[in-house]
Amino acid sequence: MTSSADDQSSIRLRKLVARGFRLMPPVRDATGELMALIYVRPHGDIVDVVELRGEDDVRAARVSQDKGGLTANPATAEWHVAGAACDVLDQVLALPDRLIVARA
């Protein structure tokens, strides 16, 4: 039986896909156990990345392609967030196509 939180997460993941995110091949450990699902959406010179490791362990980032590619490393991200699945996915779904970032 699936929980209500799982259902809500699934709805949000379908919305990600509808917005152009693609599911990458699942990340598995040496025994084949699923470790993470990663969704990626490149657009222009930026890439949005969502990494799901568990219902309460989700990270997302917006990364410039000229800063090292597909990582959710907060040090190189234009934007990043971590937390519970529904909270993080809601923030990703609310992102504009472009973030305006002021550089010092």
Protein backbone atom coordinates (compact mmCIF):
# COMPACT_ATOMS: atom_id res chain seq x y z
CA MET A 1 0.00 0.00 0.00
CA THR A 2 1.35 3.44 -0.91
CA SER A 3 1.15 6.36 1.45
CA SER A 4 -0.45 9.70 0.69
CA ALA A 5 3.03 11.30 0.64
CA ASP A 6 4.15 8.79 -2.00
CA ASP A 7 1.09 9.64 -4.10
CA GLN A 8 1.78 13.36 -3.77
CA SER A 9 5.43 12.86 -4.72
CA SER A 10 4.39 10.84 -7.78
CA ILE A 11 2.06 13.62 -8.91
CA ARG A 12 4.88 16.14 -8.65
CA LEU A 13 7.33 13.86 -10.48
CA ARG A 14 4.84 13.55 -13.36
CA LYS A 15 4.66 17.37 -13.43
CA LEU A 16 8.48 17.49 -13.67
CA VAL A 17 8.39 15.18 -16.67
CA ALA A 18 5.64 17.30 -18.25
CA ARG A 19 7.98 20.31 -17.88
CA GLY A 20 10.77 18.57 -19.78
CA PHE A 21 12.71 16.75 -17.06
CA ARG A 22 14.14 13.38 -18.11
CA LEU A 23 14.77 10.46 -15.83
CA MET A 24 18.38 9.34 -16.04
CA PRO A 25 19.35 5.67 -15.60
CA PRO A 26 18.78 4.76 -11.92
CA VAL A 27 21.80 4.89 -9.60
CA ARG A 28 22.36 1.47 -8.04
CA ASP A 29 24.87 0.09 -5.56
CA ALA A 30 27.13 -2.91 -6.23
CA THR A 31 24.33 -5.34 -5.28
CA GLY A 32 21.83 -3.68 -7.62
CA GLU A 33 19.82 -1.93 -4.91
CA LEU A 34 18.32 1.37 -6.01
CA MET A 35 20.22 4.29 -4.45
CA ALA A 36 18.82 7.34 -6.29
CA LEU A 37 16.66 8.60 -9.09
CA ILE A 38 17.96 11.61 -10.98
CA TYR A 39 15.89 13.88 -13.19
CA VAL A 40 17.63 16.39 -15.47
CA ARG A 41 16.37 19.28 -17.59
CA PRO A 42 18.89 21.17 -19.71
CA HIS A 43 17.67 24.48 -21.12
CA GLY A 44 19.86 27.10 -22.63
CA ASP A 45 23.16 27.29 -20.77
CA ILE A 46 21.72 25.94 -17.52
CA VAL A 47 20.73 22.51 -16.23
CA ASP A 48 18.19 21.73 -13.55
CA VAL A 49 18.96 18.55 -11.57
CA VAL A 50 16.75 16.73 -9.05
CA GLU A 51 18.21 13.82 -7.06
CA LEU A 52 15.83 11.63 -5.03
CA ARG A 53 17.42 9.30 -2.49
CA GLY A 54 14.38 8.91 -0.24
CA GLU A 55 11.11 10.60 0.66
CA ASP A 56 12.98 12.89 3.08
CA ASP A 57 16.28 13.06 1.19
CA VAL A 58 15.90 15.06 -2.02
CA ARG A 59 18.29 17.63 -3.48
CA ALA A 60 17.78 19.94 -6.42
CA ALA A 61 20.02 22.48 -8.10
CA ARG A 62 20.23 24.80 -11.05
CA VAL A 63 23.73 24.69 -12.49
CA SER A 64 25.41 26.63 -15.29
CA GLN A 65 26.79 24.22 -17.87
CA ASP A 66 30.01 26.22 -17.95
CA LYS A 67 30.58 25.55 -14.21
CA GLY A 68 31.18 21.85 -14.25
CA GLY A 69 28.12 20.21 -15.69
CA LEU A 70 25.61 17.97 -13.98
CA THR A 71 26.24 18.19 -10.28
CA ALA A 72 24.02 19.29 -7.44
CA ASN A 73 27.06 20.78 -5.69
CA PRO A 74 25.85 23.86 -3.79
CA ALA A 75 29.25 25.51 -4.29
CA THR A 76 28.75 25.75 -8.05
CA ALA A 77 24.95 26.00 -8.21
CA GLU A 78 23.02 29.11 -9.18
CA TRP A 79 20.25 27.82 -6.91
CA HIS A 80 19.91 24.75 -4.70
CA VAL A 81 17.60 23.22 -2.10
CA ALA A 82 17.43 20.03 -0.05
CA GLY A 83 14.73 18.44 2.06
CA ALA A 84 11.56 16.37 1.85
CA ALA A 85 10.35 15.30 -1.58
CA CYS A 86 7.15 17.33 -1.81
CA ASP A 87 8.79 20.50 -0.48
CA VAL A 88 11.76 20.29 -2.85
CA LEU A 89 9.68 19.31 -5.88
CA ASP A 90 7.27 22.19 -5.24
CA GLN A 91 10.21 24.61 -5.23
CA VAL A 92 11.60 23.15 -8.45
CA LEU A 93 8.20 23.37 -10.12
CA ALA A 94 7.94 27.03 -9.05
CA LEU A 95 11.30 28.01 -10.59
CA PRO A 96 11.21 30.44 -13.50
CA ASP A 97 13.01 29.40 -16.67
CA ARG A 98 15.83 31.76 -15.72
CA LEU A 99 17.14 32.99 -12.41
CA ILE A 100 18.61 36.45 -12.19
CA VAL A 101 21.78 36.14 -10.14
CA ALA A 102 23.68 39.22 -9.03
CA ARG A 103 27.44 38.71 -8.90
CA ALA A 104 29.59 40.72 -6.49
